[in-house]
Amino acid sequence: MKYIQRIRDLREDNDLNQTQVATILHVGQTTYSDYEKGKVRIPIEHLITLAKYYDVNLDYIAGISDIKCKFPKK
């Protein structure tokens, strides 16, 4: 589950704490912490929200690619 490390790294690279990211996702800090620990699977909708927020594509978050491409625009 490479996405767990990726969402943690993206959060830290953007100098955010778990509470701030949890607010973006409209979940509690404990829930977000469980996402990063792998205790709870993060819903795809939240992965999309994070990809948009960090402006990276889902392939990067999922670990399919190591290249940070921008989130695709419509």
PDB file of N, CA and C in Angstrom:
ATOM      1  N   MET A   1       0.838  -1.188   0.000  1.00  0.00           N
ATOM      2  CA  MET A   1       0.000   0.000   0.000  1.00  0.00           C
ATOM      3  C   MET A   1       0.881   1.249   0.000  1.00  0.00           C
ATOM      4  N   LYS A   2       1.430   1.511  -1.146  1.00  0.00           N
ATOM      5  CA  LYS A   2       2.346   2.629  -1.288  1.00  0.00           C
ATOM      6  C   LYS A   2       1.662   3.976  -1.083  1.00  0.00           C
ATOM      7  N   TYR A   3       0.339   4.026  -1.310  1.00  0.00           N
ATOM      8  CA  TYR A   3      -0.363   5.302  -1.168  1.00  0.00           C
ATOM      9  C   TYR A   3      -0.298   5.832   0.259  1.00  0.00           C
ATOM     10  N   ILE A   4      -0.174   4.942   1.234  1.00  0.00           N
ATOM     11  CA  ILE A   4      -0.098   5.385   2.626  1.00  0.00           C
ATOM     12  C   ILE A   4       1.137   6.268   2.826  1.00  0.00           C
ATOM     13  N   GLN A   5       2.271   5.800   2.337  1.00  0.00           N
ATOM     14  CA  GLN A   5       3.496   6.589   2.457  1.00  0.00           C
ATOM     15  C   GLN A   5       3.410   7.857   1.628  1.00  0.00           C
ATOM     16  N   ARG A   6       2.793   7.764   0.454  1.00  0.00           N
ATOM     17  CA  ARG A   6       2.697   8.936  -0.419  1.00  0.00           C
ATOM     18  C   ARG A   6       1.859  10.039   0.215  1.00  0.00           C
ATOM     19  N   ILE A   7       0.702   9.693   0.815  1.00  0.00           N
ATOM     20  CA  ILE A   7      -0.124  10.757   1.396  1.00  0.00           C
ATOM     21  C   ILE A   7       0.570  11.387   2.599  1.00  0.00           C
ATOM     22  N   ARG A   8       1.331  10.589   3.335  1.00  0.00           N
ATOM     23  CA  ARG A   8       2.102  11.140   4.457  1.00  0.00           C
ATOM     24  C   ARG A   8       3.201  12.063   3.946  1.00  0.00           C
ATOM     25  N   ASP A   9       3.936  11.601   2.923  1.00  0.00           N
ATOM     26  CA  ASP A   9       5.019  12.418   2.369  1.00  0.00           C
ATOM     27  C   ASP A   9       4.492  13.730   1.781  1.00  0.00           C
ATOM     28  N   LEU A  10       3.381  13.653   1.054  1.00  0.00           N
ATOM     29  CA  LEU A  10       2.809  14.875   0.480  1.00  0.00           C
ATOM     30  C   LEU A  10       2.388  15.853   1.576  1.00  0.00           C
ATOM     31  N   ARG A  11       1.796  15.330   2.633  1.00  0.00           N
ATOM     32  CA  ARG A  11       1.393  16.193   3.755  1.00  0.00           C
ATOM     33  C   ARG A  11       2.616  16.875   4.369  1.00  0.00           C
ATOM     34  N   GLU A  12       3.641  16.095   4.629  1.00  0.00           N
ATOM     35  CA  GLU A  12       4.847  16.647   5.255  1.00  0.00           C
ATOM     36  C   GLU A  12       5.577  17.611   4.313  1.00  0.00           C
ATOM     37  N   ASP A  13       5.625  17.284   3.026  1.00  0.00           N
ATOM     38  CA  ASP A  13       6.275  18.167   2.049  1.00  0.00           C
ATOM     39  C   ASP A  13       5.583  19.527   1.962  1.00  0.00           C
ATOM     40  N   ASN A  14       4.294  19.549   2.280  1.00  0.00           N
ATOM     41  CA  ASN A  14       3.525  20.795   2.233  1.00  0.00           C
ATOM     42  C   ASN A  14       3.375  21.429   3.613  1.00  0.00           C
ATOM     43  N   ASP A  15       4.171  20.953   4.566  1.00  0.00           N
ATOM     44  CA  ASP A  15       4.188  21.491   5.941  1.00  0.00           C
ATOM     45  C   ASP A  15       2.798  21.562   6.561  1.00  0.00           C
ATOM     46  N   LEU A  16       2.034  20.486   6.381  1.00  0.00           N
ATOM     47  CA  LEU A  16       0.704  20.401   6.970  1.00  0.00           C
ATOM     48  C   LEU A  16       0.706  19.361   8.080  1.00  0.00           C
ATOM     49  N   ASN A  17      -0.162  19.559   9.062  1.00  0.00           N
ATOM     50  CA  ASN A  17      -0.325  18.525  10.068  1.00  0.00           C
ATOM     51  C   ASN A  17      -1.575  17.715   9.740  1.00  0.00           C
ATOM     52  N   GLN A  18      -1.768  16.638  10.462  1.00  0.00           N
ATOM     53  CA  GLN A  18      -2.897  15.756  10.171  1.00  0.00           C
ATOM     54  C   GLN A  18      -4.238  16.465  10.354  1.00  0.00           C
ATOM     55  N   THR A  19      -4.328  17.339  11.321  1.00  0.00           N
ATOM     56  CA  THR A  19      -5.569  18.059  11.564  1.00  0.00           C
ATOM     57  C   THR A  19      -5.940  18.928  10.364  1.00  0.00           C
ATOM     58  N   GLN A  20      -4.964  19.584   9.770  1.00  0.00           N
ATOM     59  CA  GLN A  20      -5.224  20.430   8.611  1.00  0.00           C
ATOM     60  C   GLN A  20      -5.725  19.608   7.429  1.00  0.00           C
ATOM     61  N   VAL A  21      -5.105  18.463   7.185  1.00  0.00           N
ATOM     62  CA  VAL A  21      -5.534  17.615   6.067  1.00  0.00           C
ATOM     63  C   VAL A  21      -6.906  17.018   6.366  1.00  0.00           C
ATOM     64  N   ALA A  22      -7.136  16.631   7.600  1.00  0.00           N
ATOM     65  CA  ALA A  22      -8.440  16.099   7.984  1.00  0.00           C
ATOM     66  C   ALA A  22      -9.538  17.124   7.722  1.00  0.00           C
ATOM     67  N   THR A  23      -9.254  18.392   7.980  1.00  0.00           N
ATOM     68  CA  THR A  23     -10.223  19.455   7.717  1.00  0.00           C
ATOM     69  C   THR A  23     -10.525  19.550   6.223  1.00  0.00           C
ATOM     70  N   ILE A  24      -9.511  19.432   5.389  1.00  0.00           N
ATOM     71  CA  ILE A  24      -9.700  19.461   3.937  1.00  0.00           C
ATOM     72  C   ILE A  24     -10.634  18.329   3.498  1.00  0.00           C
ATOM     73  N   LEU A  25     -10.492  17.166   4.144  1.00  0.00           N
ATOM     74  CA  LEU A  25     -11.286  15.992   3.776  1.00  0.00           C
ATOM     75  C   LEU A  25     -12.624  15.915   4.523  1.00  0.00           C
ATOM     76  N   HIS A  26     -12.832  16.828   5.459  1.00  0.00           N
ATOM     77  CA  HIS A  26     -14.054  16.840   6.275  1.00  0.00           C
ATOM     78  C   HIS A  26     -14.192  15.568   7.108  1.00  0.00           C
ATOM     79  N   VAL A  27     -13.056  15.155   7.694  1.00  0.00           N
ATOM     80  CA  VAL A  27     -13.049  14.015   8.610  1.00  0.00           C
ATOM     81  C   VAL A  27     -12.304  14.441   9.869  1.00  0.00           C
ATOM     82  N   GLY A  28     -12.397  13.639  10.891  1.00  0.00           N
ATOM     83  CA  GLY A  28     -11.670  13.922  12.121  1.00  0.00           C
ATOM     84  C   GLY A  28     -10.192  13.602  11.974  1.00  0.00           C
ATOM     85  N   GLN A  29      -9.384  14.191  12.841  1.00  0.00           N
ATOM     86  CA  GLN A  29      -7.944  13.940  12.802  1.00  0.00           C
ATOM     87  C   GLN A  29      -7.644  12.469  13.048  1.00  0.00           C
ATOM     88  N   THR A  30      -8.396  11.831  13.934  1.00  0.00           N
ATOM     89  CA  THR A  30      -8.179  10.411  14.222  1.00  0.00           C
ATOM     90  C   THR A  30      -8.429   9.561  12.988  1.00  0.00           C
ATOM     91  N   THR A  31      -9.476   9.888  12.241  1.00  0.00           N
ATOM     92  CA  THR A  31      -9.773   9.152  11.009  1.00  0.00           C
ATOM     93  C   THR A  31      -8.634   9.311  10.013  1.00  0.00           C
ATOM     94  N   TYR A  32      -8.149  10.553   9.857  1.00  0.00           N
ATOM     95  CA  TYR A  32      -7.041  10.764   8.922  1.00  0.00           C
ATOM     96  C   TYR A  32      -5.792  10.021   9.394  1.00  0.00           C
ATOM     97  N   SER A  33      -5.542  10.040  10.672  1.00  0.00           N
ATOM     98  CA  SER A  33      -4.403   9.307  11.217  1.00  0.00           C
ATOM     99  C   SER A  33      -4.518   7.819  10.889  1.00  0.00           C
ATOM    100  N   ASP A  34      -5.728   7.286  11.004  1.00  0.00           N
ATOM    101  CA  ASP A  34      -5.953   5.874  10.657  1.00  0.00           C
ATOM    102  C   ASP A  34      -5.691   5.613   9.176  1.00  0.00           C
ATOM    103  N   TYR A  35      -5.974   6.595   8.311  1.00  0.00           N
ATOM    104  CA  TYR A  35      -5.644   6.456   6.888  1.00  0.00           C
ATOM    105  C   TYR A  35      -4.136   6.310   6.722  1.00  0.00           C
ATOM    106  N   GLU A  36      -3.382   7.188   7.384  1.00  0.00           N
ATOM    107  CA  GLU A  36      -1.917   7.160   7.235  1.00  0.00           C
ATOM    108  C   GLU A  36      -1.289   5.925   7.854  1.00  0.00           C
ATOM    109  N   LYS A  37      -1.928   5.355   8.859  1.00  0.00           N
ATOM    110  CA  LYS A  37      -1.411   4.142   9.500  1.00  0.00           C
ATOM    111  C   LYS A  37      -1.838   2.874   8.765  1.00  0.00           C
ATOM    112  N   GLY A  38      -2.775   3.027   7.818  1.00  0.00           N
ATOM    113  CA  GLY A  38      -3.261   1.873   7.090  1.00  0.00           C
ATOM    114  C   GLY A  38      -4.305   1.069   7.848  1.00  0.00           C
ATOM    115  N   LYS A  39      -4.815   1.626   8.936  1.00  0.00           N
ATOM    116  CA  LYS A  39      -5.851   0.936   9.718  1.00  0.00           C
ATOM    117  C   LYS A  39      -7.189   0.963   8.997  1.00  0.00           C
ATOM    118  N   VAL A  40      -7.420   2.029   8.237  1.00  0.00           N
ATOM    119  CA  VAL A  40      -8.664   2.216   7.497  1.00  0.00           C
ATOM    120  C   VAL A  40      -8.286   2.585   6.072  1.00  0.00           C
ATOM    121  N   ARG A  41      -8.947   1.971   5.107  1.00  0.00           N
ATOM    122  CA  ARG A  41      -8.690   2.332   3.705  1.00  0.00           C
ATOM    123  C   ARG A  41      -9.298   3.699   3.424  1.00  0.00           C
ATOM    124  N   ILE A  42      -8.529   4.513   2.758  1.00  0.00           N
ATOM    125  CA  ILE A  42      -9.000   5.850   2.426  1.00  0.00           C
ATOM    126  C   ILE A  42      -9.937   5.757   1.213  1.00  0.00           C
ATOM    127  N   PRO A  43     -11.108   6.342   1.298  1.00  0.00           N
ATOM    128  CA  PRO A  43     -12.037   6.293   0.160  1.00  0.00           C
ATOM    129  C   PRO A  43     -11.448   6.986  -1.070  1.00  0.00           C
ATOM    130  N   ILE A  44     -11.806   6.479  -2.231  1.00  0.00           N
ATOM    131  CA  ILE A  44     -11.294   7.029  -3.489  1.00  0.00           C
ATOM    132  C   ILE A  44     -11.614   8.517  -3.602  1.00  0.00           C
ATOM    133  N   GLU A  45     -12.769   8.926  -3.101  1.00  0.00           N
ATOM    134  CA  GLU A  45     -13.139  10.345  -3.161  1.00  0.00           C
ATOM    135  C   GLU A  45     -12.127  11.201  -2.403  1.00  0.00           C
ATOM    136  N   HIS A  46     -11.619  10.672  -1.302  1.00  0.00           N
ATOM    137  CA  HIS A  46     -10.629  11.417  -0.525  1.00  0.00           C
ATOM    138  C   HIS A  46      -9.284  11.436  -1.236  1.00  0.00           C
ATOM    139  N   LEU A  47      -8.940  10.343  -1.903  1.00  0.00           N
ATOM    140  CA  LEU A  47      -7.693  10.331  -2.676  1.00  0.00           C
ATOM    141  C   LEU A  47      -7.760  11.352  -3.802  1.00  0.00           C
ATOM    142  N   ILE A  48      -8.919  11.459  -4.438  1.00  0.00           N
ATOM    143  CA  ILE A  48      -9.088  12.445  -5.504  1.00  0.00           C
ATOM    144  C   ILE A  48      -8.980  13.857  -4.940  1.00  0.00           C
ATOM    145  N   THR A  49      -9.599  14.091  -3.799  1.00  0.00           N
ATOM    146  CA  THR A  49      -9.516  15.409  -3.156  1.00  0.00           C
ATOM    147  C   THR A  49      -8.065  15.759  -2.836  1.00  0.00           C
ATOM    148  N   LEU A  50      -7.315  14.805  -2.315  1.00  0.00           N
ATOM    149  CA  LEU A  50      -5.907  15.057  -1.996  1.00  0.00           C
ATOM    150  C   LEU A  50      -5.089  15.288  -3.261  1.00  0.00           C
ATOM    151  N   ALA A  51      -5.361  14.516  -4.291  1.00  0.00           N
ATOM    152  CA  ALA A  51      -4.641  14.699  -5.560  1.00  0.00           C
ATOM    153  C   ALA A  51      -4.878  16.105  -6.104  1.00  0.00           C
ATOM    154  N   LYS A  52      -6.126  16.554  -6.064  1.00  0.00           N
ATOM    155  CA  LYS A  52      -6.434  17.916  -6.516  1.00  0.00           C
ATOM    156  C   LYS A  52      -5.746  18.953  -5.635  1.00  0.00           C
ATOM    157  N   TYR A  53      -5.812  18.752  -4.332  1.00  0.00           N
ATOM    158  CA  TYR A  53      -5.226  19.712  -3.399  1.00  0.00           C
ATOM    159  C   TYR A  53      -3.715  19.834  -3.606  1.00  0.00           C
ATOM    160  N   TYR A  54      -3.037  18.685  -3.710  1.00  0.00           N
ATOM    161  CA  TYR A  54      -1.583  18.691  -3.872  1.00  0.00           C
ATOM    162  C   TYR A  54      -1.166  18.871  -5.334  1.00  0.00           C
ATOM    163  N   ASP A  55      -2.131  18.869  -6.247  1.00  0.00           N
ATOM    164  CA  ASP A  55      -1.901  19.008  -7.680  1.00  0.00           C
ATOM    165  C   ASP A  55      -0.939  17.945  -8.218  1.00  0.00           C
ATOM    166  N   VAL A  56      -1.256  16.699  -7.876  1.00  0.00           N
ATOM    167  CA  VAL A  56      -0.527  15.543  -8.412  1.00  0.00           C
ATOM    168  C   VAL A  56      -1.564  14.558  -8.945  1.00  0.00           C
ATOM    169  N   ASN A  57      -1.156  13.715  -9.876  1.00  0.00           N
ATOM    170  CA  ASN A  57      -2.124  12.764 -10.410  1.00  0.00           C
ATOM    171  C   ASN A  57      -2.256  11.553  -9.487  1.00  0.00           C
ATOM    172  N   LEU A  58      -3.327  10.809  -9.691  1.00  0.00           N
ATOM    173  CA  LEU A  58      -3.591   9.641  -8.843  1.00  0.00           C
ATOM    174  C   LEU A  58      -2.556   8.541  -9.040  1.00  0.00           C
ATOM    175  N   ASP A  59      -1.952   8.457 -10.222  1.00  0.00           N
ATOM    176  CA  ASP A  59      -0.898   7.460 -10.439  1.00  0.00           C
ATOM    177  C   ASP A  59       0.251   7.669  -9.458  1.00  0.00           C
ATOM    178  N   TYR A  60       0.583   8.917  -9.190  1.00  0.00           N
ATOM    179  CA  TYR A  60       1.663   9.204  -8.249  1.00  0.00           C
ATOM    180  C   TYR A  60       1.253   8.785  -6.831  1.00  0.00           C
ATOM    181  N   ILE A  61       0.067   9.176  -6.413  1.00  0.00           N
ATOM    182  CA  ILE A  61      -0.386   8.825  -5.065  1.00  0.00           C
ATOM    183  C   ILE A  61      -0.459   7.311  -4.891  1.00  0.00           C
ATOM    184  N   ALA A  62      -0.947   6.613  -5.910  1.00  0.00           N
ATOM    185  CA  ALA A  62      -1.095   5.159  -5.827  1.00  0.00           C
ATOM    186  C   ALA A  62       0.236   4.417  -5.896  1.00  0.00           C
ATOM    187  N   GLY A  63       1.297   5.108  -6.314  1.00  0.00           N
ATOM    188  CA  GLY A  63       2.591   4.467  -6.423  1.00  0.00           C
ATOM    189  C   GLY A  63       2.831   3.805  -7.765  1.00  0.00           C
ATOM    190  N   ILE A  64       1.933   4.046  -8.718  1.00  0.00           N
ATOM    191  CA  ILE A  64       2.105   3.498 -10.062  1.00  0.00           C
ATOM    192  C   ILE A  64       3.235   4.214 -10.785  1.00  0.00           C
ATOM    193  N   SER A  65       3.395   5.491 -10.470  1.00  0.00           N
ATOM    194  CA  SER A  65       4.445   6.304 -11.075  1.00  0.00           C
ATOM    195  C   SER A  65       5.197   7.049  -9.979  1.00  0.00           C
ATOM    196  N   ASP A  66       6.470   7.258 -10.197  1.00  0.00           N
ATOM    197  CA  ASP A  66       7.271   8.059  -9.263  1.00  0.00           C
ATOM    198  C   ASP A  66       7.417   9.494  -9.755  1.00  0.00           C
ATOM    199  N   ILE A  67       6.750   9.820 -10.854  1.00  0.00           N
ATOM    200  CA  ILE A  67       6.813  11.158 -11.423  1.00  0.00           C
ATOM    201  C   ILE A  67       5.582  11.943 -10.994  1.00  0.00           C
ATOM    202  N   LYS A  68       5.819  13.102 -10.415  1.00  0.00           N
ATOM    203  CA  LYS A  68       4.710  13.948  -9.965  1.00  0.00           C
ATOM    204  C   LYS A  68       4.171  14.750 -11.134  1.00  0.00           C
ATOM    205  N   CYS A  69       3.182  14.179 -11.818  1.00  0.00           N
ATOM    206  CA  CYS A  69       2.497  14.925 -12.880  1.00  0.00           C
ATOM    207  C   CYS A  69       1.369  15.720 -12.241  1.00  0.00           C
ATOM    208  N   LYS A  70       1.033  16.834 -12.860  1.00  0.00           N
ATOM    209  CA  LYS A  70      -0.059  17.650 -12.341  1.00  0.00           C
ATOM    210  C   LYS A  70      -1.386  16.934 -12.481  1.00  0.00           C
ATOM    211  N   PHE A  71      -2.316  17.274 -11.585  1.00  0.00           N
ATOM    212  CA  PHE A  71      -3.645  16.691 -11.645  1.00  0.00           C
ATOM    213  C   PHE A  71      -4.293  17.103 -12.972  1.00  0.00           C
ATOM    214  N   PRO A  72      -4.875  16.165 -13.698  1.00  0.00           N
ATOM    215  CA  PRO A  72      -5.447  16.519 -15.001  1.00  0.00           C
ATOM    216  C   PRO A  72      -6.626  17.487 -14.878  1.00  0.00           C
ATOM    217  N   LYS A  73      -6.652  18.452 -15.747  1.00  0.00           N
ATOM    218  CA  LYS A  73      -7.749  19.422 -15.791  1.00  0.00           C
ATOM    219  C   LYS A  73      -8.724  18.974 -16.861  1.00  0.00           C
ATOM    220  N   LYS A  74      -9.986  19.327 -16.686  1.00  0.00           N
ATOM    221  CA  LYS A  74     -11.012  18.956 -17.681  1.00  0.00           C
ATOM    222  C   LYS A  74     -10.884  19.785 -18.922  1.00  0.00           C
TER     223      LYS A  74
END
